[in-house]
C-alpha cells in the first residue's frame, strides 16, 4: 500500500522543512522515551569527564565551567586529554575548537527542521550537539523534532553537568585515573552514535583515513596536533573522488568535443 503523506502547507505539523511526512505522527510519549534514553545514557559519561579533567590538573571551577559553557563531550575530552599528555594549551584548545566546529553545520540543518522563534535560537544553539542532532533528525514531523531536541538537550545538559561535578569531586577516591581508562568513555559513545550514520563508501573511507592519520601521527607529533591533521581526511577524499569521477568523463568527452569544434 502506498504511504500517505500530508499536504505541504505552510506551518503544517506533518511537514518538516517542506518535506512531506507520514500521515501518522509519532506519539509524543514515544519521542520523549527515546530522547530520555539518549540523554540519560550519554549524560552519565559526564562522570568520566569530571574524573579525567581533575586528573589532568584542572580545578573544580575549571572543570565545571567547561561542561557548562562548552558542552560538547568530544571537544572537552580532546582538550583535557591533550593537556594531560603535556600538550601546549593553545594546541589543545585548537584541537577542541575544530572538533566543535561540526556543531555549526548541525545547526544549519536543525534550524530548518525546528524553525524556532528568533528569541529562542541563541539558547537552543547551546544544545546543538551530536546527540540532539541524531534524535531530532530521526523524527518524522516538526512537532516530534522539537520535542526530541528539547527533551534530549535538557536531559543531557542537566545530567552531564551534575555528573561532571560528581566525577570531579570523586576523582581523589578513584586514585590513578589513567588506570581506569575513563578518557575513552566519551569518544566511545561518540563513535557508537556516528557509526550507523556512515552509510556511503565515501563516508566510511573518510572516517577510516581520519583514524589512520590520528593514530599514525600520535607517536611523532605533540598532543592535540594529530586531531587537527586528521580533519584533512575529508577534503583529501573529496578531492581524490572528484578527480576519479572527472577522469573518465574528460576522456570520453574529449573526442566528441574535438569533432564538434570541427
C-alpha atoms as a PDB file:
ATOM      1  CA  UNK A   1       0.000   0.000   0.000  1.00  0.00           C
ATOM      2  CA  UNK A   2       1.361   3.426  -0.900  1.00  0.00           C
ATOM      3  CA  UNK A   3       2.365   5.562   2.046  1.00  0.00           C
ATOM      4  CA  UNK A   4       0.062   8.508   2.665  1.00  0.00           C
ATOM      5  CA  UNK A   5       1.560  11.935   3.004  1.00  0.00           C
ATOM      6  CA  UNK A   6       0.342  15.218   4.402  1.00  0.00           C
ATOM      7  CA  UNK A   7      -0.049  18.306   2.225  1.00  0.00           C
ATOM      8  CA  UNK A   8       2.963  20.614   2.095  1.00  0.00           C
ATOM      9  CA  UNK A   9       1.138  23.588   3.530  1.00  0.00           C
ATOM     10  CA  UNK A  10       2.958  26.343   5.354  1.00  0.00           C
ATOM     11  CA  UNK A  11       3.327  25.504   9.001  1.00  0.00           C
ATOM     12  CA  UNK A  12       1.669  22.116   8.640  1.00  0.00           C
ATOM     13  CA  UNK A  13       2.640  19.877  11.549  1.00  0.00           C
ATOM     14  CA  UNK A  14       3.108  16.938   9.204  1.00  0.00           C
ATOM     15  CA  UNK A  15       5.836  18.583   7.160  1.00  0.00           C
ATOM     16  CA  UNK A  16       9.459  19.128   8.109  1.00  0.00           C
ATOM     17  CA  UNK A  17      11.375  21.813   6.221  1.00  0.00           C
ATOM     18  CA  UNK A  18       8.948  21.474   3.315  1.00  0.00           C
ATOM     19  CA  UNK A  19       9.333  17.701   3.075  1.00  0.00           C
ATOM     20  CA  UNK A  20       6.081  15.724   3.363  1.00  0.00           C
ATOM     21  CA  UNK A  21       5.977  13.180   6.179  1.00  0.00           C
ATOM     22  CA  UNK A  22       3.828  10.199   7.005  1.00  0.00           C
ATOM     23  CA  UNK A  23       0.252  10.986   7.994  1.00  0.00           C
ATOM     24  CA  UNK A  24       0.514   9.101  11.268  1.00  0.00           C
ATOM     25  CA  UNK A  25       2.749  11.182  13.518  1.00  0.00           C
ATOM     26  CA  UNK A  26       4.938   9.527  16.119  1.00  0.00           C
ATOM     27  CA  UNK A  27       3.312   9.630  19.576  1.00  0.00           C
ATOM     28  CA  UNK A  28       4.769  12.286  21.859  1.00  0.00           C
ATOM     29  CA  UNK A  29       5.355   9.705  24.585  1.00  0.00           C
ATOM     30  CA  UNK A  30       7.493   7.618  22.240  1.00  0.00           C
ATOM     31  CA  UNK A  31       9.592  10.649  21.282  1.00  0.00           C
ATOM     32  CA  UNK A  32      10.093  11.566  24.936  1.00  0.00           C
ATOM     33  CA  UNK A  33      11.055   7.994  25.785  1.00  0.00           C
ATOM     34  CA  UNK A  34      13.658   7.831  23.031  1.00  0.00           C
ATOM     35  CA  UNK A  35      15.043  11.261  23.909  1.00  0.00           C
ATOM     36  CA  UNK A  36      15.307  10.404  27.593  1.00  0.00           C
ATOM     37  CA  UNK A  37      17.101   7.172  26.747  1.00  0.00           C
ATOM     38  CA  UNK A  38      19.776   9.014  24.782  1.00  0.00           C
ATOM     39  CA  UNK A  39      20.045  11.851  27.301  1.00  0.00           C
ATOM     40  CA  UNK A  40      20.469   9.592  30.315  1.00  0.00           C
ATOM     41  CA  UNK A  41      22.827   7.131  28.631  1.00  0.00           C
ATOM     42  CA  UNK A  42      25.191   9.816  27.365  1.00  0.00           C
ATOM     43  CA  UNK A  43      24.761  12.143  30.338  1.00  0.00           C
ATOM     44  CA  UNK A  44      26.187   9.553  32.709  1.00  0.00           C
ATOM     45  CA  UNK A  45      29.529   9.713  30.890  1.00  0.00           C
ATOM     46  CA  UNK A  46      29.951  13.159  32.444  1.00  0.00           C
ATOM     47  CA  UNK A  47      31.367  11.267  35.429  1.00  0.00           C
ATOM     48  CA  UNK A  48      34.234  10.162  33.207  1.00  0.00           C
ATOM     49  CA  UNK A  49      34.902  13.698  32.055  1.00  0.00           C
ATOM     50  CA  UNK A  50      34.899  15.062  35.602  1.00  0.00           C
ATOM     51  CA  UNK A  51      37.394  12.448  36.738  1.00  0.00           C
ATOM     52  CA  UNK A  52      39.597  12.866  33.668  1.00  0.00           C
ATOM     53  CA  UNK A  53      39.635  16.656  33.922  1.00  0.00           C
ATOM     54  CA  UNK A  54      40.576  16.505  37.594  1.00  0.00           C
ATOM     55  CA  UNK A  55      43.333  14.022  36.784  1.00  0.00           C
ATOM     56  CA  UNK A  56      44.644  16.387  34.109  1.00  0.00           C
ATOM     57  CA  UNK A  57      45.122  19.089  36.728  1.00  0.00           C
ATOM     58  CA  UNK A  58      42.029  21.231  36.169  1.00  0.00           C
ATOM     59  CA  UNK A  59      40.409  22.791  39.207  1.00  0.00           C
ATOM     60  CA  UNK A  60      36.795  22.124  40.132  1.00  0.00           C
ATOM     61  CA  UNK A  61      35.568  25.507  38.785  1.00  0.00           C
ATOM     62  CA  UNK A  62      37.507  24.999  35.523  1.00  0.00           C
ATOM     63  CA  UNK A  63      36.072  21.519  35.059  1.00  0.00           C
ATOM     64  CA  UNK A  64      32.500  22.621  35.704  1.00  0.00           C
ATOM     65  CA  UNK A  65      32.881  25.709  33.505  1.00  0.00           C
ATOM     66  CA  UNK A  66      33.913  23.527  30.561  1.00  0.00           C
ATOM     67  CA  UNK A  67      30.743  21.466  30.844  1.00  0.00           C
ATOM     68  CA  UNK A  68      28.508  24.475  31.401  1.00  0.00           C
ATOM     69  CA  UNK A  69      29.907  26.626  28.601  1.00  0.00           C
ATOM     70  CA  UNK A  70      31.485  24.266  26.057  1.00  0.00           C
ATOM     71  CA  UNK A  71      29.047  21.359  26.441  1.00  0.00           C
ATOM     72  CA  UNK A  72      30.342  19.090  23.708  1.00  0.00           C
ATOM     73  CA  UNK A  73      31.870  15.934  25.088  1.00  0.00           C
ATOM     74  CA  UNK A  74      34.330  15.083  22.327  1.00  0.00           C
ATOM     75  CA  UNK A  75      35.853  18.573  22.398  1.00  0.00           C
ATOM     76  CA  UNK A  76      36.036  18.570  26.190  1.00  0.00           C
ATOM     77  CA  UNK A  77      37.810  15.218  26.273  1.00  0.00           C
ATOM     78  CA  UNK A  78      40.164  16.306  23.485  1.00  0.00           C
ATOM     79  CA  UNK A  79      41.121  19.392  25.462  1.00  0.00           C
ATOM     80  CA  UNK A  80      41.811  17.709  28.797  1.00  0.00           C
ATOM     81  CA  UNK A  81      43.421  14.721  27.082  1.00  0.00           C
ATOM     82  CA  UNK A  82      45.922  16.949  25.298  1.00  0.00           C
ATOM     83  CA  UNK A  83      46.639  18.869  28.493  1.00  0.00           C
ATOM     84  CA  UNK A  84      47.146  15.651  30.438  1.00  0.00           C
ATOM     85  CA  UNK A  85      49.639  14.468  27.806  1.00  0.00           C
ATOM     86  CA  UNK A  86      51.673  17.643  28.266  1.00  0.00           C
ATOM     87  CA  UNK A  87      50.459  19.387  25.128  1.00  0.00           C
ATOM     88  CA  UNK A  88      50.552  23.122  24.563  1.00  0.00           C
ATOM     89  CA  UNK A  89      47.346  24.757  25.894  1.00  0.00           C
ATOM     90  CA  UNK A  90      46.839  26.645  22.624  1.00  0.00           C
ATOM     91  CA  UNK A  91      47.221  23.483  20.561  1.00  0.00           C
ATOM     92  CA  UNK A  92      44.848  21.648  22.883  1.00  0.00           C
ATOM     93  CA  UNK A  93      42.290  24.449  22.594  1.00  0.00           C
ATOM     94  CA  UNK A  94      42.639  24.493  18.800  1.00  0.00           C
ATOM     95  CA  UNK A  95      42.001  20.764  18.580  1.00  0.00           C
ATOM     96  CA  UNK A  96      38.923  21.084  20.771  1.00  0.00           C
ATOM     97  CA  UNK A  97      37.698  24.039  18.709  1.00  0.00           C
ATOM     98  CA  UNK A  98      37.948  22.232  15.378  1.00  0.00           C
ATOM     99  CA  UNK A  99      36.138  19.218  16.802  1.00  0.00           C
ATOM    100  CA  UNK A 100      33.366  21.540  17.911  1.00  0.00           C
ATOM    101  CA  UNK A 101      33.044  23.208  14.507  1.00  0.00           C
ATOM    102  CA  UNK A 102      30.892  20.300  13.325  1.00  0.00           C
ATOM    103  CA  UNK A 103      28.125  21.589  15.592  1.00  0.00           C
ATOM    104  CA  UNK A 104      27.838  24.696  13.432  1.00  0.00           C
ATOM    105  CA  UNK A 105      26.967  22.506  10.445  1.00  0.00           C
ATOM    106  CA  UNK A 106      24.450  20.614  12.571  1.00  0.00           C
ATOM    107  CA  UNK A 107      22.891  23.974  13.409  1.00  0.00           C
ATOM    108  CA  UNK A 108      22.369  24.841   9.757  1.00  0.00           C
ATOM    109  CA  UNK A 109      20.308  21.699   9.287  1.00  0.00           C
ATOM    110  CA  UNK A 110      18.427  21.864  12.581  1.00  0.00           C
ATOM    111  CA  UNK A 111      17.430  25.499  12.070  1.00  0.00           C
ATOM    112  CA  UNK A 112      15.365  24.395   9.073  1.00  0.00           C
ATOM    113  CA  UNK A 113      13.809  21.432  10.836  1.00  0.00           C
ATOM    114  CA  UNK A 114      12.952  23.145  14.119  1.00  0.00           C
ATOM    115  CA  UNK A 115      12.125  26.632  12.798  1.00  0.00           C
ATOM    116  CA  UNK A 116      12.312  28.107  16.293  1.00  0.00           C
ATOM    117  CA  UNK A 117      11.449  31.729  17.128  1.00  0.00           C
ATOM    118  CA  UNK A 118      14.414  34.083  16.884  1.00  0.00           C
ATOM    119  CA  UNK A 119      14.414  34.739  20.631  1.00  0.00           C
ATOM    120  CA  UNK A 120      14.977  31.029  21.374  1.00  0.00           C
ATOM    121  CA  UNK A 121      17.687  30.341  18.798  1.00  0.00           C
ATOM    122  CA  UNK A 122      20.665  31.579  20.876  1.00  0.00           C
ATOM    123  CA  UNK A 123      19.563  29.374  23.761  1.00  0.00           C
ATOM    124  CA  UNK A 124      18.897  26.374  21.525  1.00  0.00           C
ATOM    125  CA  UNK A 125      22.343  26.744  19.910  1.00  0.00           C
ATOM    126  CA  UNK A 126      23.944  25.626  23.183  1.00  0.00           C
ATOM    127  CA  UNK A 127      22.212  22.265  22.800  1.00  0.00           C
ATOM    128  CA  UNK A 128      23.198  21.616  19.185  1.00  0.00           C
ATOM    129  CA  UNK A 129      25.428  18.578  19.635  1.00  0.00           C
ATOM    130  CA  UNK A 130      25.749  15.061  18.236  1.00  0.00           C
ATOM    131  CA  UNK A 131      23.064  13.503  20.417  1.00  0.00           C
ATOM    132  CA  UNK A 132      20.368  16.152  19.963  1.00  0.00           C
ATOM    133  CA  UNK A 133      21.021  16.176  16.231  1.00  0.00           C
ATOM    134  CA  UNK A 134      20.702  12.395  15.980  1.00  0.00           C
ATOM    135  CA  UNK A 135      17.406  12.350  17.890  1.00  0.00           C
ATOM    136  CA  UNK A 136      15.970  15.343  16.013  1.00  0.00           C
ATOM    137  CA  UNK A 137      16.778  14.049  12.545  1.00  0.00           C
ATOM    138  CA  UNK A 138      15.158  10.720  13.358  1.00  0.00           C
ATOM    139  CA  UNK A 139      11.720  12.301  13.898  1.00  0.00           C
ATOM    140  CA  UNK A 140       9.018  12.288  11.184  1.00  0.00           C
ATOM    141  CA  UNK A 141       7.367  15.645  11.977  1.00  0.00           C
ATOM    142  CA  UNK A 142       8.393  19.099  13.138  1.00  0.00           C
ATOM    143  CA  UNK A 143       6.467  18.684  16.386  1.00  0.00           C
ATOM    144  CA  UNK A 144       8.279  15.438  17.145  1.00  0.00           C
ATOM    145  CA  UNK A 145      11.605  17.004  16.164  1.00  0.00           C
ATOM    146  CA  UNK A 146      11.071  19.888  18.580  1.00  0.00           C
ATOM    147  CA  UNK A 147      10.104  17.549  21.407  1.00  0.00           C
ATOM    148  CA  UNK A 148      13.054  15.267  20.732  1.00  0.00           C
ATOM    149  CA  UNK A 149      15.504  18.165  20.583  1.00  0.00           C
ATOM    150  CA  UNK A 150      14.181  19.802  23.752  1.00  0.00           C
ATOM    151  CA  UNK A 151      13.971  16.682  25.884  1.00  0.00           C
ATOM    152  CA  UNK A 152      17.350  15.352  24.752  1.00  0.00           C
ATOM    153  CA  UNK A 153      19.057  18.711  25.186  1.00  0.00           C
ATOM    154  CA  UNK A 154      17.567  19.460  28.604  1.00  0.00           C
ATOM    155  CA  UNK A 155      18.149  15.962  29.976  1.00  0.00           C
ATOM    156  CA  UNK A 156      21.687  15.758  28.692  1.00  0.00           C
ATOM    157  CA  UNK A 157      22.684  19.274  29.755  1.00  0.00           C
ATOM    158  CA  UNK A 158      21.436  18.873  33.321  1.00  0.00           C
ATOM    159  CA  UNK A 159      22.735  15.336  33.790  1.00  0.00           C
ATOM    160  CA  UNK A 160      26.095  15.993  32.085  1.00  0.00           C
ATOM    161  CA  UNK A 161      26.818  18.941  34.361  1.00  0.00           C
ATOM    162  CA  UNK A 162      25.716  17.129  37.507  1.00  0.00           C
ATOM    163  CA  UNK A 163      27.826  14.089  36.723  1.00  0.00           C
ATOM    164  CA  UNK A 164      30.782  16.299  35.782  1.00  0.00           C
ATOM    165  CA  UNK A 165      30.595  17.825  39.245  1.00  0.00           C
ATOM    166  CA  UNK A 166      30.286  14.396  40.837  1.00  0.00           C
ATOM    167  CA  UNK A 167      33.198  12.997  38.870  1.00  0.00           C
ATOM    168  CA  UNK A 168      35.459  15.926  39.718  1.00  0.00           C
ATOM    169  CA  UNK A 169      34.596  15.673  43.412  1.00  0.00           C
ATOM    170  CA  UNK A 170      35.124  11.914  43.462  1.00  0.00           C
ATOM    171  CA  UNK A 171      38.374  11.883  41.472  1.00  0.00           C
ATOM    172  CA  UNK A 172      40.526  11.623  44.585  1.00  0.00           C
ATOM    173  CA  UNK A 173      38.676   8.493  45.741  1.00  0.00           C
ATOM    174  CA  UNK A 174      39.483   6.713  42.460  1.00  0.00           C
ATOM    175  CA  UNK A 175      43.220   7.227  42.727  1.00  0.00           C
ATOM    176  CA  UNK A 176      45.071   6.861  39.422  1.00  0.00           C
ATOM    177  CA  UNK A 177      42.535   7.956  36.798  1.00  0.00           C
ATOM    178  CA  UNK A 178      44.668   6.670  33.907  1.00  0.00           C
ATOM    179  CA  UNK A 179      44.282   3.111  35.169  1.00  0.00           C
ATOM    180  CA  UNK A 180      40.503   3.311  34.717  1.00  0.00           C
ATOM    181  CA  UNK A 181      40.676   4.396  31.091  1.00  0.00           C
ATOM    182  CA  UNK A 182      37.816   6.825  31.616  1.00  0.00           C
ATOM    183  CA  UNK A 183      39.137   9.215  28.977  1.00  0.00           C
ATOM    184  CA  UNK A 184      37.906   6.755  26.342  1.00  0.00           C
ATOM    185  CA  UNK A 185      34.284   6.795  27.553  1.00  0.00           C
ATOM    186  CA  UNK A 186      33.011   9.838  25.673  1.00  0.00           C
ATOM    187  CA  UNK A 187      34.866   9.072  22.406  1.00  0.00           C
ATOM    188  CA  UNK A 188      33.395   5.562  22.548  1.00  0.00           C
ATOM    189  CA  UNK A 189      29.882   6.978  22.920  1.00  0.00           C
ATOM    190  CA  UNK A 190      30.541   9.418  20.072  1.00  0.00           C
ATOM    191  CA  UNK A 191      31.718   6.619  17.778  1.00  0.00           C
ATOM    192  CA  UNK A 192      28.694   4.493  18.690  1.00  0.00           C
ATOM    193  CA  UNK A 193      26.414   7.335  17.572  1.00  0.00           C
ATOM    194  CA  UNK A 194      28.459   8.109  14.479  1.00  0.00           C
ATOM    195  CA  UNK A 195      28.978   4.598  13.120  1.00  0.00           C
ATOM    196  CA  UNK A 196      25.366   3.987  11.953  1.00  0.00           C
ATOM    197  CA  UNK A 197      25.460   7.304  10.039  1.00  0.00           C
ATOM    198  CA  UNK A 198      28.377   6.193   7.839  1.00  0.00           C
ATOM    199  CA  UNK A 199      26.246   4.763   5.041  1.00  0.00           C
ATOM    200  CA  UNK A 200      28.214   5.579   1.883  1.00  0.00           C
ATOM    201  CA  UNK A 201      31.625   4.383   0.782  1.00  0.00           C
ATOM    202  CA  UNK A 202      32.951   7.951   0.791  1.00  0.00           C
ATOM    203  CA  UNK A 203      31.892   8.469   4.410  1.00  0.00           C
ATOM    204  CA  UNK A 204      33.459   5.188   5.535  1.00  0.00           C
ATOM    205  CA  UNK A 205      36.704   5.864   3.686  1.00  0.00           C
ATOM    206  CA  UNK A 206      36.889   9.357   5.178  1.00  0.00           C
ATOM    207  CA  UNK A 207      36.349   8.053   8.705  1.00  0.00           C
ATOM    208  CA  UNK A 208      38.913   5.268   8.260  1.00  0.00           C
ATOM    209  CA  UNK A 209      41.515   7.660   6.839  1.00  0.00           C
ATOM    210  CA  UNK A 210      40.950  10.112   9.703  1.00  0.00           C
ATOM    211  CA  UNK A 211      41.526   7.322  12.239  1.00  0.00           C
ATOM    212  CA  UNK A 212      44.689   6.178  10.475  1.00  0.00           C
ATOM    213  CA  UNK A 213      46.048   9.721  10.335  1.00  0.00           C
ATOM    214  CA  UNK A 214      45.368  10.341  14.017  1.00  0.00           C
ATOM    215  CA  UNK A 215      46.877   7.045  15.163  1.00  0.00           C
ATOM    216  CA  UNK A 216      49.839   7.251  12.791  1.00  0.00           C
ATOM    217  CA  UNK A 217      50.771  10.802  13.785  1.00  0.00           C
ATOM    218  CA  UNK A 218      50.177  10.335  17.504  1.00  0.00           C
ATOM    219  CA  UNK A 219      53.686   8.986  18.320  1.00  0.00           C
ATOM    220  CA  UNK A 220      55.556  11.670  16.358  1.00  0.00           C
ATOM    221  CA  UNK A 221      53.596  14.908  16.916  1.00  0.00           C
ATOM    222  CA  UNK A 222      52.702  16.898  20.037  1.00  0.00           C
ATOM    223  CA  UNK A 223      49.432  16.116  21.784  1.00  0.00           C
ATOM    224  CA  UNK A 224      46.458  17.717  20.057  1.00  0.00           C
ATOM    225  CA  UNK A 225      48.126  18.118  16.651  1.00  0.00           C
ATOM    226  CA  UNK A 226      47.125  14.663  15.285  1.00  0.00           C
ATOM    227  CA  UNK A 227      43.464  15.519  15.894  1.00  0.00           C
ATOM    228  CA  UNK A 228      43.841  18.707  13.877  1.00  0.00           C
ATOM    229  CA  UNK A 229      45.592  16.984  10.974  1.00  0.00           C
ATOM    230  CA  UNK A 230      43.122  14.093  10.864  1.00  0.00           C
ATOM    231  CA  UNK A 231      40.499  16.613   9.702  1.00  0.00           C
ATOM    232  CA  UNK A 232      42.371  16.770   6.382  1.00  0.00           C
ATOM    233  CA  UNK A 233      40.943  13.339   5.554  1.00  0.00           C
ATOM    234  CA  UNK A 234      37.641  14.858   4.384  1.00  0.00           C
ATOM    235  CA  UNK A 235      38.994  17.284   1.748  1.00  0.00           C
ATOM    236  CA  UNK A 236      41.547  14.690   0.623  1.00  0.00           C
ATOM    237  CA  UNK A 237      38.900  12.024  -0.019  1.00  0.00           C
ATOM    238  CA  UNK A 238      36.614  14.530  -1.750  1.00  0.00           C
ATOM    239  CA  UNK A 239      39.466  15.740  -3.962  1.00  0.00           C
ATOM    240  CA  UNK A 240      40.526  12.226  -4.981  1.00  0.00           C
ATOM    241  CA  UNK A 241      36.914  11.188  -5.538  1.00  0.00           C
ATOM    242  CA  UNK A 242      36.300  14.224  -7.720  1.00  0.00           C
ATOM    243  CA  UNK A 243      39.380  13.516  -9.838  1.00  0.00           C
ATOM    244  CA  UNK A 244      38.342   9.895 -10.318  1.00  0.00           C
ATOM    245  CA  UNK A 245      34.878  10.937 -11.496  1.00  0.00           C
ATOM    246  CA  UNK A 246      36.187  13.604 -13.827  1.00  0.00           C
ATOM    247  CA  UNK A 247      38.816  11.349 -15.396  1.00  0.00           C
ATOM    248  CA  UNK A 248      36.563   9.042 -17.483  1.00  0.00           C
ATOM    249  CA  UNK A 249      34.222  11.911 -18.371  1.00  0.00           C
ATOM    250  CA  UNK A 250      37.060  14.029 -19.680  1.00  0.00           C
ATOM    251  CA  UNK A 251      38.461  11.121 -21.669  1.00  0.00           C
ATOM    252  CA  UNK A 252      35.094  10.198 -23.140  1.00  0.00           C
ATOM    253  CA  UNK A 253      34.132  13.759 -23.868  1.00  0.00           C
ATOM    254  CA  UNK A 254      37.434  14.769 -25.417  1.00  0.00           C
ATOM    255  CA  UNK A 255      36.981  13.266 -28.910  1.00  0.00           C
ATOM    256  CA  UNK A 256      33.348  14.376 -29.069  1.00  0.00           C
ATOM    257  CA  UNK A 257      34.284  17.905 -28.179  1.00  0.00           C
ATOM    258  CA  UNK A 258      37.025  17.806 -30.803  1.00  0.00           C
ATOM    259  CA  UNK A 259      34.632  16.647 -33.521  1.00  0.00           C
ATOM    260  CA  UNK A 260      32.068  19.257 -32.545  1.00  0.00           C
ATOM    261  CA  UNK A 261      34.661  22.008 -32.764  1.00  0.00           C
ATOM    262  CA  UNK A 262      35.480  20.939 -36.301  1.00  0.00           C
END
